[in-house]
Amino acid sequence: DERAEKVGYKIREAVMEKVPYVVVVGEKDMNDKTVTVRKRRCEEQEAMSIEKFIERLNKEIDEKDPDVPKLGE
């Protein structure tokens, strides 16, 4: 979301829209090659590598429907 809005506003919007994951990539994240992830209905944020986040998403996809193509394939 490249709008000129503040990050907090964008996060609140995503929460109101019930977006499953909010992924924030700040300057520190870009330097560390990480993403900061907030899962819906969870106040905690977690910084992780992009690879770990993709792995987590693929695992969740596989648990819900093994026939859905995986991310990165």
PDB file of N, CA and C in Angstrom:
ATOM      1  N   ASP A   1       0.857  -1.158   0.000  1.00  0.00           N
ATOM      2  CA  ASP A   1       0.000   0.000   0.000  1.00  0.00           C
ATOM      3  C   ASP A   1       0.906   1.225   0.000  1.00  0.00           C
ATOM      4  N   GLU A   2       1.012   1.884  -1.101  1.00  0.00           N
ATOM      5  CA  GLU A   2       1.942   3.003  -1.232  1.00  0.00           C
ATOM      6  C   GLU A   2       1.272   4.368  -1.061  1.00  0.00           C
ATOM      7  N   ARG A   3       0.070   4.377  -0.502  1.00  0.00           N
ATOM      8  CA  ARG A   3      -0.607   5.654  -0.269  1.00  0.00           C
ATOM      9  C   ARG A   3       0.189   6.489   0.734  1.00  0.00           C
ATOM     10  N   ALA A   4      -0.067   7.780   0.720  1.00  0.00           N
ATOM     11  CA  ALA A   4       0.651   8.705   1.590  1.00  0.00           C
ATOM     12  C   ALA A   4       0.092   8.716   3.016  1.00  0.00           C
ATOM     13  N   GLU A   5      -0.689   7.735   3.376  1.00  0.00           N
ATOM     14  CA  GLU A   5      -1.249   7.644   4.729  1.00  0.00           C
ATOM     15  C   GLU A   5      -0.186   7.146   5.707  1.00  0.00           C
ATOM     16  N   LYS A   6      -0.421   7.379   7.002  1.00  0.00           N
ATOM     17  CA  LYS A   6       0.491   6.873   8.027  1.00  0.00           C
ATOM     18  C   LYS A   6       0.327   5.366   8.148  1.00  0.00           C
ATOM     19  N   VAL A   7       1.381   4.689   8.561  1.00  0.00           N
ATOM     20  CA  VAL A   7       1.379   3.227   8.673  1.00  0.00           C
ATOM     21  C   VAL A   7       0.299   2.757   9.648  1.00  0.00           C
ATOM     22  N   GLY A   8       0.168   3.433  10.767  1.00  0.00           N
ATOM     23  CA  GLY A   8      -0.842   3.060  11.753  1.00  0.00           C
ATOM     24  C   GLY A   8      -2.246   3.098  11.170  1.00  0.00           C
ATOM     25  N   TYR A   9      -2.530   4.088  10.347  1.00  0.00           N
ATOM     26  CA  TYR A   9      -3.834   4.199   9.697  1.00  0.00           C
ATOM     27  C   TYR A   9      -4.055   3.015   8.765  1.00  0.00           C
ATOM     28  N   LYS A  10      -3.044   2.669   7.991  1.00  0.00           N
ATOM     29  CA  LYS A  10      -3.155   1.543   7.057  1.00  0.00           C
ATOM     30  C   LYS A  10      -3.375   0.227   7.799  1.00  0.00           C
ATOM     31  N   ILE A  11      -2.693   0.066   8.930  1.00  0.00           N
ATOM     32  CA  ILE A  11      -2.859  -1.153   9.737  1.00  0.00           C
ATOM     33  C   ILE A  11      -4.282  -1.211  10.290  1.00  0.00           C
ATOM     34  N   ARG A  12      -4.775  -0.103  10.817  1.00  0.00           N
ATOM     35  CA  ARG A  12      -6.153  -0.080  11.340  1.00  0.00           C
ATOM     36  C   ARG A  12      -7.154  -0.413  10.242  1.00  0.00           C
ATOM     37  N   GLU A  13      -6.947   0.119   9.055  1.00  0.00           N
ATOM     38  CA  GLU A  13      -7.823  -0.192   7.919  1.00  0.00           C
ATOM     39  C   GLU A  13      -7.830  -1.688   7.625  1.00  0.00           C
ATOM     40  N   ALA A  14      -6.646  -2.287   7.600  1.00  0.00           N
ATOM     41  CA  ALA A  14      -6.530  -3.726   7.318  1.00  0.00           C
ATOM     42  C   ALA A  14      -7.233  -4.542   8.396  1.00  0.00           C
ATOM     43  N   VAL A  15      -7.105  -4.128   9.646  1.00  0.00           N
ATOM     44  CA  VAL A  15      -7.765  -4.831  10.753  1.00  0.00           C
ATOM     45  C   VAL A  15      -9.281  -4.740  10.585  1.00  0.00           C
ATOM     46  N   MET A  16      -9.781  -3.574  10.242  1.00  0.00           N
ATOM     47  CA  MET A  16     -11.221  -3.381  10.052  1.00  0.00           C
ATOM     48  C   MET A  16     -11.745  -4.204   8.874  1.00  0.00           C
ATOM     49  N   GLU A  17     -10.910  -4.401   7.850  1.00  0.00           N
ATOM     50  CA  GLU A  17     -11.294  -5.184   6.674  1.00  0.00           C
ATOM     51  C   GLU A  17     -11.085  -6.682   6.895  1.00  0.00           C
ATOM     52  N   LYS A  18     -10.590  -7.041   8.072  1.00  0.00           N
ATOM     53  CA  LYS A  18     -10.355  -8.435   8.452  1.00  0.00           C
ATOM     54  C   LYS A  18      -9.355  -9.145   7.524  1.00  0.00           C
ATOM     55  N   VAL A  19      -8.302  -8.417   7.177  1.00  0.00           N
ATOM     56  CA  VAL A  19      -7.221  -8.979   6.374  1.00  0.00           C
ATOM     57  C   VAL A  19      -6.502 -10.018   7.228  1.00  0.00           C
ATOM     58  N   PRO A  20      -6.267 -11.247   6.707  1.00  0.00           N
ATOM     59  CA  PRO A  20      -5.661 -12.311   7.529  1.00  0.00           C
ATOM     60  C   PRO A  20      -4.262 -11.985   8.050  1.00  0.00           C
ATOM     61  N   TYR A  21      -3.449 -11.359   7.225  1.00  0.00           N
ATOM     62  CA  TYR A  21      -2.095 -10.991   7.628  1.00  0.00           C
ATOM     63  C   TYR A  21      -1.820  -9.554   7.220  1.00  0.00           C
ATOM     64  N   VAL A  22      -1.169  -8.825   8.105  1.00  0.00           N
ATOM     65  CA  VAL A  22      -0.650  -7.506   7.759  1.00  0.00           C
ATOM     66  C   VAL A  22       0.861  -7.653   7.787  1.00  0.00           C
ATOM     67  N   VAL A  23       1.478  -7.384   6.649  1.00  0.00           N
ATOM     68  CA  VAL A  23       2.926  -7.510   6.527  1.00  0.00           C
ATOM     69  C   VAL A  23       3.493  -6.116   6.311  1.00  0.00           C
ATOM     70  N   VAL A  24       4.385  -5.714   7.210  1.00  0.00           N
ATOM     71  CA  VAL A  24       4.993  -4.391   7.122  1.00  0.00           C
ATOM     72  C   VAL A  24       6.472  -4.572   6.810  1.00  0.00           C
ATOM     73  N   VAL A  25       6.931  -3.818   5.830  1.00  0.00           N
ATOM     74  CA  VAL A  25       8.351  -3.845   5.470  1.00  0.00           C
ATOM     75  C   VAL A  25       8.881  -2.428   5.607  1.00  0.00           C
ATOM     76  N   GLY A  26       9.574  -2.205   6.705  1.00  0.00           N
ATOM     77  CA  GLY A  26      10.177  -0.904   6.953  1.00  0.00           C
ATOM     78  C   GLY A  26      11.626  -0.899   6.503  1.00  0.00           C
ATOM     79  N   GLU A  27      12.282   0.188   6.778  1.00  0.00           N
ATOM     80  CA  GLU A  27      13.687   0.337   6.372  1.00  0.00           C
ATOM     81  C   GLU A  27      14.570  -0.729   7.033  1.00  0.00           C
ATOM     82  N   LYS A  28      14.355  -0.962   8.330  1.00  0.00           N
ATOM     83  CA  LYS A  28      15.139  -1.979   9.039  1.00  0.00           C
ATOM     84  C   LYS A  28      14.875  -3.363   8.428  1.00  0.00           C
ATOM     85  N   ASP A  29      13.600  -3.639   8.123  1.00  0.00           N
ATOM     86  CA  ASP A  29      13.258  -4.925   7.502  1.00  0.00           C
ATOM     87  C   ASP A  29      13.969  -5.080   6.162  1.00  0.00           C
ATOM     88  N   MET A  30      13.998  -4.027   5.382  1.00  0.00           N
ATOM     89  CA  MET A  30      14.663  -4.104   4.075  1.00  0.00           C
ATOM     90  C   MET A  30      16.147  -4.397   4.252  1.00  0.00           C
ATOM     91  N   ASN A  31      16.781  -3.751   5.218  1.00  0.00           N
ATOM     92  CA  ASN A  31      18.204  -3.981   5.454  1.00  0.00           C
ATOM     93  C   ASN A  31      18.474  -5.396   5.958  1.00  0.00           C
ATOM     94  N   ASP A  32      17.546  -5.915   6.813  1.00  0.00           N
ATOM     95  CA  ASP A  32      17.720  -7.246   7.400  1.00  0.00           C
ATOM     96  C   ASP A  32      17.108  -8.362   6.553  1.00  0.00           C
ATOM     97  N   LYS A  33      16.455  -7.978   5.452  1.00  0.00           N
ATOM     98  CA  LYS A  33      15.746  -8.939   4.583  1.00  0.00           C
ATOM     99  C   LYS A  33      14.716  -9.739   5.388  1.00  0.00           C
ATOM    100  N   THR A  34      13.914  -8.993   6.167  1.00  0.00           N
ATOM    101  CA  THR A  34      12.857  -9.598   6.966  1.00  0.00           C
ATOM    102  C   THR A  34      11.539  -8.886   6.679  1.00  0.00           C
ATOM    103  N   VAL A  35      10.468  -9.415   7.232  1.00  0.00           N
ATOM    104  CA  VAL A  35       9.166  -8.758   7.213  1.00  0.00           C
ATOM    105  C   VAL A  35       8.624  -8.793   8.635  1.00  0.00           C
ATOM    106  N   THR A  36       7.805  -7.825   8.980  1.00  0.00           N
ATOM    107  CA  THR A  36       7.136  -7.832  10.272  1.00  0.00           C
ATOM    108  C   THR A  36       5.692  -8.222  10.003  1.00  0.00           C
ATOM    109  N   VAL A  37       5.253  -9.302  10.662  1.00  0.00           N
ATOM    110  CA  VAL A  37       3.953  -9.902  10.374  1.00  0.00           C
ATOM    111  C   VAL A  37       3.038  -9.793  11.583  1.00  0.00           C
ATOM    112  N   ARG A  38       1.806  -9.384  11.335  1.00  0.00           N
ATOM    113  CA  ARG A  38       0.766  -9.381  12.367  1.00  0.00           C
ATOM    114  C   ARG A  38      -0.390 -10.217  11.820  1.00  0.00           C
ATOM    115  N   LYS A  39      -0.710 -11.298  12.524  1.00  0.00           N
ATOM    116  CA  LYS A  39      -1.804 -12.167  12.109  1.00  0.00           C
ATOM    117  C   LYS A  39      -3.120 -11.631  12.677  1.00  0.00           C
ATOM    118  N   ARG A  40      -4.192 -11.788  11.920  1.00  0.00           N
ATOM    119  CA  ARG A  40      -5.511 -11.322  12.348  1.00  0.00           C
ATOM    120  C   ARG A  40      -5.875 -11.907  13.705  1.00  0.00           C
ATOM    121  N   ARG A  41      -6.520 -11.120  14.530  1.00  0.00           N
ATOM    122  CA  ARG A  41      -6.946 -11.490  15.882  1.00  0.00           C
ATOM    123  C   ARG A  41      -5.765 -11.758  16.810  1.00  0.00           C
ATOM    124  N   CYS A  42      -4.593 -11.284  16.470  1.00  0.00           N
ATOM    125  CA  CYS A  42      -3.424 -11.460  17.314  1.00  0.00           C
ATOM    126  C   CYS A  42      -2.702 -10.110  17.399  1.00  0.00           C
ATOM    127  N   GLU A  43      -2.536  -9.616  18.583  1.00  0.00           N
ATOM    128  CA  GLU A  43      -1.913  -8.309  18.766  1.00  0.00           C
ATOM    129  C   GLU A  43      -0.401  -8.351  18.589  1.00  0.00           C
ATOM    130  N   GLU A  44       0.181  -9.528  18.765  1.00  0.00           N
ATOM    131  CA  GLU A  44       1.639  -9.632  18.676  1.00  0.00           C
ATOM    132  C   GLU A  44       2.112  -9.525  17.239  1.00  0.00           C
ATOM    133  N   GLN A  45       3.268  -8.926  17.092  1.00  0.00           N
ATOM    134  CA  GLN A  45       3.923  -8.835  15.795  1.00  0.00           C
ATOM    135  C   GLN A  45       5.172  -9.691  15.850  1.00  0.00           C
ATOM    136  N   GLU A  46       5.551 -10.225  14.711  1.00  0.00           N
ATOM    137  CA  GLU A  46       6.741 -11.069  14.675  1.00  0.00           C
ATOM    138  C   GLU A  46       7.557 -10.724  13.440  1.00  0.00           C
ATOM    139  N   ALA A  47       8.838 -10.488  13.647  1.00  0.00           N
ATOM    140  CA  ALA A  47       9.749 -10.266  12.527  1.00  0.00           C
ATOM    141  C   ALA A  47      10.327 -11.612  12.128  1.00  0.00           C
ATOM    142  N   MET A  48      10.351 -11.871  10.833  1.00  0.00           N
ATOM    143  CA  MET A  48      10.887 -13.143  10.338  1.00  0.00           C
ATOM    144  C   MET A  48      11.406 -12.949   8.928  1.00  0.00           C
ATOM    145  N   SER A  49      12.194 -13.911   8.491  1.00  0.00           N
ATOM    146  CA  SER A  49      12.698 -13.846   7.123  1.00  0.00           C
ATOM    147  C   SER A  49      11.531 -14.047   6.157  1.00  0.00           C
ATOM    148  N   ILE A  50      11.705 -13.551   4.971  1.00  0.00           N
ATOM    149  CA  ILE A  50      10.678 -13.718   3.940  1.00  0.00           C
ATOM    150  C   ILE A  50      10.462 -15.203   3.676  1.00  0.00           C
ATOM    151  N   GLU A  51      11.549 -15.963   3.653  1.00  0.00           N
ATOM    152  CA  GLU A  51      11.455 -17.404   3.407  1.00  0.00           C
ATOM    153  C   GLU A  51      10.632 -18.097   4.483  1.00  0.00           C
ATOM    154  N   LYS A  52      10.842 -17.716   5.749  1.00  0.00           N
ATOM    155  CA  LYS A  52      10.091 -18.326   6.847  1.00  0.00           C
ATOM    156  C   LYS A  52       8.605 -17.977   6.736  1.00  0.00           C
ATOM    157  N   PHE A  53       8.290 -16.744   6.346  1.00  0.00           N
ATOM    158  CA  PHE A  53       6.897 -16.348   6.198  1.00  0.00           C
ATOM    159  C   PHE A  53       6.232 -17.145   5.073  1.00  0.00           C
ATOM    160  N   ILE A  54       6.908 -17.294   3.956  1.00  0.00           N
ATOM    161  CA  ILE A  54       6.364 -18.080   2.844  1.00  0.00           C
ATOM    162  C   ILE A  54       6.169 -19.530   3.275  1.00  0.00           C
ATOM    163  N   GLU A  55       7.134 -20.066   4.015  1.00  0.00           N
ATOM    164  CA  GLU A  55       7.029 -21.437   4.526  1.00  0.00           C
ATOM    165  C   GLU A  55       5.793 -21.577   5.429  1.00  0.00           C
ATOM    166  N   ARG A  56       5.570 -20.608   6.301  1.00  0.00           N
ATOM    167  CA  ARG A  56       4.419 -20.627   7.203  1.00  0.00           C
ATOM    168  C   ARG A  56       3.113 -20.582   6.408  1.00  0.00           C
ATOM    169  N   LEU A  57       3.048 -19.703   5.398  1.00  0.00           N
ATOM    170  CA  LEU A  57       1.846 -19.617   4.582  1.00  0.00           C
ATOM    171  C   LEU A  57       1.585 -20.922   3.841  1.00  0.00           C
ATOM    172  N   ASN A  58       2.642 -21.502   3.266  1.00  0.00           N
ATOM    173  CA  ASN A  58       2.477 -22.765   2.547  1.00  0.00           C
ATOM    174  C   ASN A  58       1.980 -23.871   3.467  1.00  0.00           C
ATOM    175  N   LYS A  59       2.462 -23.887   4.702  1.00  0.00           N
ATOM    176  CA  LYS A  59       2.017 -24.898   5.666  1.00  0.00           C
ATOM    177  C   LYS A  59       0.526 -24.718   5.962  1.00  0.00           C
ATOM    178  N   GLU A  60       0.106 -23.473   6.181  1.00  0.00           N
ATOM    179  CA  GLU A  60      -1.308 -23.208   6.442  1.00  0.00           C
ATOM    180  C   GLU A  60      -2.173 -23.585   5.245  1.00  0.00           C
ATOM    181  N   ILE A  61      -1.701 -23.265   4.047  1.00  0.00           N
ATOM    182  CA  ILE A  61      -2.438 -23.624   2.828  1.00  0.00           C
ATOM    183  C   ILE A  61      -2.572 -25.133   2.737  1.00  0.00           C
ATOM    184  N   ASP A  62      -1.477 -25.832   2.972  1.00  0.00           N
ATOM    185  CA  ASP A  62      -1.473 -27.293   2.869  1.00  0.00           C
ATOM    186  C   ASP A  62      -2.421 -27.932   3.881  1.00  0.00           C
ATOM    187  N   GLU A  63      -2.483 -27.362   5.091  1.00  0.00           N
ATOM    188  CA  GLU A  63      -3.372 -27.898   6.118  1.00  0.00           C
ATOM    189  C   GLU A  63      -4.844 -27.699   5.756  1.00  0.00           C
ATOM    190  N   LYS A  64      -5.152 -26.613   5.044  1.00  0.00           N
ATOM    191  CA  LYS A  64      -6.542 -26.332   4.676  1.00  0.00           C
ATOM    192  C   LYS A  64      -6.946 -27.057   3.394  1.00  0.00           C
ATOM    193  N   ASP A  65      -6.060 -27.072   2.397  1.00  0.00           N
ATOM    194  CA  ASP A  65      -6.381 -27.709   1.117  1.00  0.00           C
ATOM    195  C   ASP A  65      -5.078 -28.106   0.425  1.00  0.00           C
ATOM    196  N   PRO A  66      -4.688 -29.376   0.532  1.00  0.00           N
ATOM    197  CA  PRO A  66      -3.419 -29.832  -0.033  1.00  0.00           C
ATOM    198  C   PRO A  66      -3.315 -29.681  -1.553  1.00  0.00           C
ATOM    199  N   ASP A  67      -4.447 -29.482  -2.247  1.00  0.00           N
ATOM    200  CA  ASP A  67      -4.417 -29.382  -3.708  1.00  0.00           C
ATOM    201  C   ASP A  67      -4.149 -27.972  -4.226  1.00  0.00           C
ATOM    202  N   VAL A  68      -4.119 -26.982  -3.335  1.00  0.00           N
ATOM    203  CA  VAL A  68      -3.858 -25.604  -3.740  1.00  0.00           C
ATOM    204  C   VAL A  68      -2.356 -25.461  -3.999  1.00  0.00           C
ATOM    205  N   PRO A  69      -1.977 -24.839  -5.137  1.00  0.00           N
ATOM    206  CA  PRO A  69      -0.542 -24.637  -5.431  1.00  0.00           C
ATOM    207  C   PRO A  69       0.134 -23.807  -4.332  1.00  0.00           C
ATOM    208  N   LYS A  70       1.369 -24.136  -4.032  1.00  0.00           N
ATOM    209  CA  LYS A  70       2.130 -23.446  -2.993  1.00  0.00           C
ATOM    210  C   LYS A  70       2.754 -22.166  -3.533  1.00  0.00           C
ATOM    211  N   LEU A  71       2.996 -21.215  -2.638  1.00  0.00           N
ATOM    212  CA  LEU A  71       3.667 -19.978  -3.015  1.00  0.00           C
ATOM    213  C   LEU A  71       5.107 -20.293  -3.411  1.00  0.00           C
ATOM    214  N   GLY A  72       5.574 -19.650  -4.448  1.00  0.00           N
ATOM    215  CA  GLY A  72       6.965 -19.842  -4.866  1.00  0.00           C
ATOM    216  C   GLY A  72       7.159 -21.040  -5.789  1.00  0.00           C
ATOM    217  N   GLU A  73       6.098 -21.756  -6.110  1.00  0.00           N
ATOM    218  CA  GLU A  73       6.234 -22.912  -7.006  1.00  0.00           C
ATOM    219  C   GLU A  73       5.847 -22.543  -8.408  1.00  0.00           C
TER     220      GLU A  73
END
